[in-house]
Amino acid sequence: MSEPLEELRAQRALIQQHLDWLDARIAATEGSSAEPTLPHATSQPCSTQAPVADEIVEVTDQTDVPFFDIDQTTHASTTSDIRKAQIGCLVIFVIAILGFVFLLFGLPYLVD
């Protein structure tokens, strides 16, 4: 199975888990005695497991309700890669400008 397909299935499983959690919260808010449900089983099993929230926090106060426990290491590595690419592009740009200036002004004086 291709890697993008596995990743899409893992994403679908996470979204389904979140929808089940939302259904449970809506039912609890409406006063129903519905229990939180487990995520639905997919018709085709996924060979890789996506990162799942460590725990589901039950909050009675509606001021700060966490929806997801987002893994910050994935976000930090992506930001770091982008920053490295930006620095690399800047270095190549500076080298290109210095090379152009040398060819324009320095090389004619060396040839004479």
N, C-alpha and C. Protein backbone atom coordinates (compact mmCIF):
# COMPACT_ATOMS: atom_id res chain seq x y z
N MET A 1 0.86 -1.17 0.00
CA MET A 1 0.00 0.00 0.00
C MET A 1 0.91 1.24 0.00
N SER A 2 0.55 2.26 -0.73
CA SER A 2 1.39 3.44 -0.82
C SER A 2 1.32 4.26 0.46
N GLU A 3 2.40 4.98 0.70
CA GLU A 3 2.50 5.76 1.92
C GLU A 3 1.45 6.87 2.00
N PRO A 4 1.16 7.60 0.92
CA PRO A 4 0.11 8.63 1.01
C PRO A 4 -1.26 8.04 1.35
N LEU A 5 -1.55 6.85 0.81
CA LEU A 5 -2.83 6.23 1.10
C LEU A 5 -2.92 5.84 2.57
N GLU A 6 -1.84 5.31 3.13
CA GLU A 6 -1.82 4.97 4.55
C GLU A 6 -1.99 6.21 5.42
N GLU A 7 -1.32 7.29 5.00
CA GLU A 7 -1.43 8.53 5.77
C GLU A 7 -2.85 9.09 5.70
N LEU A 8 -3.48 9.01 4.54
CA LEU A 8 -4.86 9.48 4.42
C LEU A 8 -5.80 8.66 5.29
N ARG A 9 -5.59 7.36 5.34
CA ARG A 9 -6.44 6.52 6.19
C ARG A 9 -6.22 6.84 7.67
N ALA A 10 -4.97 7.11 8.05
CA ALA A 10 -4.69 7.48 9.43
C ALA A 10 -5.36 8.81 9.78
N GLN A 11 -5.31 9.77 8.84
CA GLN A 11 -5.97 11.05 9.05
C GLN A 11 -7.48 10.87 9.19
N ARG A 12 -8.06 9.99 8.36
CA ARG A 12 -9.49 9.72 8.42
C ARG A 12 -9.87 9.13 9.78
N ALA A 13 -9.02 8.24 10.30
CA ALA A 13 -9.29 7.64 11.61
C ALA A 13 -9.25 8.70 12.71
N LEU A 14 -8.30 9.62 12.62
CA LEU A 14 -8.23 10.69 13.62
C LEU A 14 -9.45 11.61 13.55
N ILE A 15 -9.88 11.92 12.35
CA ILE A 15 -11.06 12.79 12.20
C ILE A 15 -12.30 12.08 12.73
N GLN A 16 -12.41 10.78 12.46
CA GLN A 16 -13.55 10.02 12.96
C GLN A 16 -13.55 9.99 14.49
N GLN A 17 -12.36 9.86 15.08
CA GLN A 17 -12.26 9.87 16.54
C GLN A 17 -12.71 11.23 17.09
N HIS A 18 -12.32 12.29 16.43
CA HIS A 18 -12.72 13.62 16.88
C HIS A 18 -14.23 13.82 16.73
N LEU A 19 -14.80 13.33 15.63
CA LEU A 19 -16.25 13.44 15.45
C LEU A 19 -17.00 12.66 16.52
N ASP A 20 -16.51 11.48 16.89
CA ASP A 20 -17.13 10.72 17.97
C ASP A 20 -17.07 11.49 19.29
N TRP A 21 -15.94 12.13 19.53
CA TRP A 21 -15.79 12.92 20.76
C TRP A 21 -16.77 14.10 20.75
N LEU A 22 -16.91 14.77 19.58
CA LEU A 22 -17.86 15.87 19.48
C LEU A 22 -19.29 15.41 19.70
N ASP A 23 -19.65 14.25 19.13
CA ASP A 23 -20.99 13.71 19.34
C ASP A 23 -21.25 13.45 20.82
N ALA A 24 -20.26 12.93 21.52
CA ALA A 24 -20.41 12.67 22.94
C ALA A 24 -20.58 13.97 23.73
N ARG A 25 -19.81 15.00 23.36
CA ARG A 25 -19.92 16.29 24.04
C ARG A 25 -21.28 16.94 23.77
N ILE A 26 -21.78 16.83 22.55
CA ILE A 26 -23.09 17.39 22.22
C ILE A 26 -24.18 16.67 22.99
N ALA A 27 -24.07 15.35 23.05
CA ALA A 27 -25.07 14.58 23.78
C ALA A 27 -25.03 14.92 25.27
N ALA A 28 -23.84 15.11 25.83
CA ALA A 28 -23.72 15.47 27.24
C ALA A 28 -24.28 16.86 27.50
N THR A 29 -24.07 17.77 26.57
CA THR A 29 -24.58 19.13 26.74
C THR A 29 -26.10 19.17 26.64
N GLU A 30 -26.69 18.34 25.79
CA GLU A 30 -28.14 18.31 25.65
C GLU A 30 -28.82 17.61 26.82
N GLY A 31 -28.03 17.00 27.69
CA GLY A 31 -28.62 16.36 28.86
C GLY A 31 -28.87 14.88 28.65
N SER A 32 -28.46 14.35 27.54
CA SER A 32 -28.64 12.93 27.30
C SER A 32 -27.61 12.15 28.10
N SER A 33 -27.91 10.91 28.39
CA SER A 33 -26.97 10.10 29.17
C SER A 33 -26.14 9.21 28.24
N ALA A 34 -25.73 9.76 27.12
CA ALA A 34 -24.94 8.98 26.15
C ALA A 34 -23.51 8.87 26.63
N GLU A 35 -22.96 7.70 26.49
CA GLU A 35 -21.57 7.45 26.84
C GLU A 35 -20.70 7.82 25.65
N PRO A 36 -19.45 8.26 25.89
CA PRO A 36 -18.55 8.52 24.77
C PRO A 36 -18.29 7.22 24.01
N THR A 37 -18.31 7.32 22.69
CA THR A 37 -18.13 6.12 21.88
C THR A 37 -16.70 6.01 21.40
N LEU A 38 -16.32 4.81 21.05
CA LEU A 38 -15.00 4.57 20.51
C LEU A 38 -15.02 4.89 19.02
N PRO A 39 -13.83 5.14 18.43
CA PRO A 39 -13.80 5.43 16.99
C PRO A 39 -14.32 4.25 16.20
N HIS A 40 -14.98 4.55 15.07
CA HIS A 40 -15.52 3.51 14.22
C HIS A 40 -14.38 2.74 13.57
N ALA A 41 -14.60 1.46 13.36
CA ALA A 41 -13.61 0.65 12.67
C ALA A 41 -13.72 0.91 11.18
N THR A 42 -12.57 1.04 10.52
CA THR A 42 -12.58 1.27 9.09
C THR A 42 -12.72 -0.06 8.37
N SER A 43 -13.20 0.00 7.14
CA SER A 43 -13.40 -1.23 6.39
C SER A 43 -12.08 -1.88 6.00
N GLN A 44 -11.04 -1.07 5.82
CA GLN A 44 -9.72 -1.61 5.51
C GLN A 44 -8.76 -1.18 6.60
N PRO A 45 -8.09 -2.14 7.26
CA PRO A 45 -7.20 -1.77 8.34
C PRO A 45 -5.97 -1.03 7.83
N CYS A 46 -5.51 -0.12 8.62
CA CYS A 46 -4.34 0.67 8.27
C CYS A 46 -3.13 0.03 8.94
N SER A 47 -2.03 -0.09 8.21
CA SER A 47 -0.86 -0.77 8.77
C SER A 47 -0.06 0.14 9.69
N THR A 48 -0.19 1.45 9.56
CA THR A 48 0.52 2.36 10.45
C THR A 48 -0.49 3.09 11.32
N GLN A 49 -0.14 3.30 12.54
CA GLN A 49 -1.00 4.01 13.46
C GLN A 49 -0.56 5.47 13.53
N ALA A 50 -1.49 6.36 13.44
CA ALA A 50 -1.22 7.78 13.56
C ALA A 50 -1.10 8.13 15.03
N PRO A 51 -0.36 9.21 15.34
CA PRO A 51 -0.28 9.61 16.74
C PRO A 51 -1.66 10.02 17.26
N VAL A 52 -2.00 9.53 18.43
CA VAL A 52 -3.30 9.78 19.02
C VAL A 52 -3.08 10.56 20.30
N ALA A 53 -4.04 11.36 20.67
CA ALA A 53 -3.94 12.13 21.91
C ALA A 53 -3.72 11.19 23.08
N ASP A 54 -2.86 11.62 24.00
CA ASP A 54 -2.52 10.77 25.14
C ASP A 54 -3.72 10.49 26.02
N GLU A 55 -4.54 11.46 26.21
CA GLU A 55 -5.74 11.25 27.01
C GLU A 55 -6.82 12.23 26.60
N ILE A 56 -8.04 11.87 26.83
CA ILE A 56 -9.16 12.76 26.55
C ILE A 56 -9.51 13.45 27.86
N VAL A 57 -9.54 14.75 27.82
CA VAL A 57 -9.78 15.52 29.02
C VAL A 57 -11.26 15.86 29.09
N GLU A 58 -11.90 15.48 30.16
CA GLU A 58 -13.30 15.85 30.38
C GLU A 58 -13.33 17.17 31.13
N VAL A 59 -13.95 18.16 30.54
CA VAL A 59 -13.98 19.49 31.11
C VAL A 59 -15.44 19.86 31.33
N THR A 60 -15.75 20.30 32.56
CA THR A 60 -17.11 20.73 32.83
C THR A 60 -17.27 22.21 32.55
N ASP A 61 -16.20 22.99 32.74
CA ASP A 61 -16.24 24.41 32.44
C ASP A 61 -15.96 24.60 30.95
N GLN A 62 -16.74 25.41 30.25
CA GLN A 62 -16.63 25.55 28.81
C GLN A 62 -15.65 26.66 28.39
N THR A 63 -14.84 27.20 29.32
CA THR A 63 -13.95 28.30 28.96
C THR A 63 -12.76 27.84 28.15
N ASP A 64 -12.03 26.83 28.59
CA ASP A 64 -10.84 26.35 27.89
C ASP A 64 -11.01 24.87 27.56
N VAL A 65 -11.61 24.58 26.43
CA VAL A 65 -11.84 23.19 26.04
C VAL A 65 -10.78 22.80 25.02
N PRO A 66 -9.87 21.88 25.38
CA PRO A 66 -8.87 21.46 24.39
C PRO A 66 -9.47 20.46 23.41
N PHE A 67 -9.28 20.69 22.13
CA PHE A 67 -9.82 19.79 21.13
C PHE A 67 -8.83 18.70 20.78
N PHE A 68 -7.58 19.04 20.60
CA PHE A 68 -6.57 18.06 20.22
C PHE A 68 -5.32 18.29 21.04
N ASP A 69 -4.60 17.21 21.26
CA ASP A 69 -3.27 17.31 21.86
C ASP A 69 -2.29 17.25 20.71
N ILE A 70 -1.90 18.41 20.19
CA ILE A 70 -1.09 18.48 18.98
C ILE A 70 0.37 18.20 19.35
N ASP A 71 0.99 17.34 18.55
CA ASP A 71 2.38 16.99 18.76
C ASP A 71 3.25 18.13 18.23
N GLN A 72 3.93 18.86 19.12
CA GLN A 72 4.72 20.02 18.73
C GLN A 72 6.02 19.64 18.05
N THR A 73 6.52 18.41 18.23
CA THR A 73 7.78 18.03 17.61
C THR A 73 7.65 17.99 16.09
N THR A 74 6.51 17.56 15.57
CA THR A 74 6.32 17.53 14.12
C THR A 74 6.30 18.95 13.57
N HIS A 75 5.62 19.84 14.25
CA HIS A 75 5.56 21.24 13.81
C HIS A 75 6.93 21.88 13.89
N ALA A 76 7.70 21.61 14.94
CA ALA A 76 9.02 22.21 15.12
C ALA A 76 9.98 21.72 14.04
N SER A 77 9.95 20.45 13.68
CA SER A 77 10.87 19.95 12.67
C SER A 77 10.55 20.55 11.30
N THR A 78 9.26 20.74 11.00
CA THR A 78 8.89 21.36 9.73
C THR A 78 9.36 22.80 9.68
N THR A 79 9.20 23.53 10.77
CA THR A 79 9.64 24.92 10.83
C THR A 79 11.15 24.98 10.70
N SER A 80 11.85 24.06 11.32
CA SER A 80 13.30 24.03 11.25
C SER A 80 13.76 23.78 9.81
N ASP A 81 13.11 22.87 9.11
CA ASP A 81 13.46 22.58 7.72
C ASP A 81 13.23 23.80 6.84
N ILE A 82 12.15 24.50 7.07
CA ILE A 82 11.85 25.71 6.29
C ILE A 82 12.90 26.77 6.56
N ARG A 83 13.28 26.93 7.81
CA ARG A 83 14.29 27.92 8.17
C ARG A 83 15.64 27.58 7.51
N LYS A 84 16.01 26.29 7.49
CA LYS A 84 17.26 25.88 6.84
C LYS A 84 17.22 26.19 5.35
N ALA A 85 16.09 25.96 4.72
CA ALA A 85 15.96 26.25 3.29
C ALA A 85 16.07 27.75 3.03
N GLN A 86 15.49 28.57 3.88
CA GLN A 86 15.57 30.02 3.71
C GLN A 86 17.01 30.50 3.85
N ILE A 87 17.73 29.97 4.83
CA ILE A 87 19.13 30.36 5.03
C ILE A 87 19.97 29.91 3.84
N GLY A 88 19.73 28.70 3.35
CA GLY A 88 20.47 28.21 2.19
C GLY A 88 20.24 29.07 0.96
N CYS A 89 19.00 29.48 0.72
CA CYS A 89 18.70 30.34 -0.42
C CYS A 89 19.38 31.70 -0.27
N LEU A 90 19.40 32.23 0.93
CA LEU A 90 20.05 33.51 1.17
C LEU A 90 21.56 33.41 0.92
N VAL A 91 22.19 32.33 1.35
CA VAL A 91 23.62 32.14 1.14
C VAL A 91 23.92 32.03 -0.36
N ILE A 92 23.13 31.26 -1.09
CA ILE A 92 23.34 31.13 -2.53
C ILE A 92 23.14 32.47 -3.23
N PHE A 93 22.16 33.26 -2.80
CA PHE A 93 21.92 34.57 -3.39
C PHE A 93 23.13 35.49 -3.17
N VAL A 94 23.67 35.51 -1.95
CA VAL A 94 24.81 36.37 -1.64
C VAL A 94 26.03 35.94 -2.44
N ILE A 95 26.27 34.63 -2.56
CA ILE A 95 27.40 34.14 -3.35
C ILE A 95 27.23 34.53 -4.82
N ALA A 96 26.02 34.44 -5.34
CA ALA A 96 25.77 34.81 -6.73
C ALA A 96 26.02 36.29 -6.96
N ILE A 97 25.58 37.13 -6.04
CA ILE A 97 25.79 38.58 -6.18
C ILE A 97 27.28 38.90 -6.11
N LEU A 98 27.99 38.30 -5.16
CA LEU A 98 29.43 38.55 -5.05
C LEU A 98 30.16 38.07 -6.30
N GLY A 99 29.77 36.93 -6.85
CA GLY A 99 30.38 36.44 -8.09
C GLY A 99 30.13 37.38 -9.26
N PHE A 100 28.92 37.91 -9.36
CA PHE A 100 28.59 38.85 -10.42
C PHE A 100 29.41 40.14 -10.30
N VAL A 101 29.50 40.64 -9.08
CA VAL A 101 30.28 41.87 -8.86
C VAL A 101 31.74 41.63 -9.20
N PHE A 102 32.28 40.47 -8.82
CA PHE A 102 33.67 40.16 -9.14
C PHE A 102 33.88 40.08 -10.65
N LEU A 103 32.97 39.40 -11.36
CA LEU A 103 33.10 39.29 -12.81
C LEU A 103 32.95 40.64 -13.50
N LEU A 104 32.14 41.51 -12.94
CA LEU A 104 31.88 42.81 -13.55
C LEU A 104 33.03 43.79 -13.32
N PHE A 105 33.55 43.83 -12.07
CA PHE A 105 34.55 44.85 -11.74
C PHE A 105 35.94 44.27 -11.52
N GLY A 106 36.08 43.12 -10.97
CA GLY A 106 37.40 42.59 -10.61
C GLY A 106 38.11 41.91 -11.75
N LEU A 107 37.43 41.11 -12.53
CA LEU A 107 38.07 40.34 -13.60
C LEU A 107 38.67 41.22 -14.70
N PRO A 108 38.01 42.32 -15.11
CA PRO A 108 38.64 43.15 -16.15
C PRO A 108 39.99 43.72 -15.72
N TYR A 109 40.17 44.05 -14.43
CA TYR A 109 41.43 44.60 -13.95
C TYR A 109 42.49 43.52 -13.83
N LEU A 110 42.09 42.26 -13.63
CA LEU A 110 43.04 41.16 -13.54
C LEU A 110 43.53 40.75 -14.93
N VAL A 111 42.70 40.95 -15.97
CA VAL A 111 43.05 40.54 -17.31
C VAL A 111 44.07 41.51 -17.91
N ASP A 112 44.03 42.80 -17.58
CA ASP A 112 44.95 43.79 -18.15
C ASP A 112 46.35 43.54 -17.79
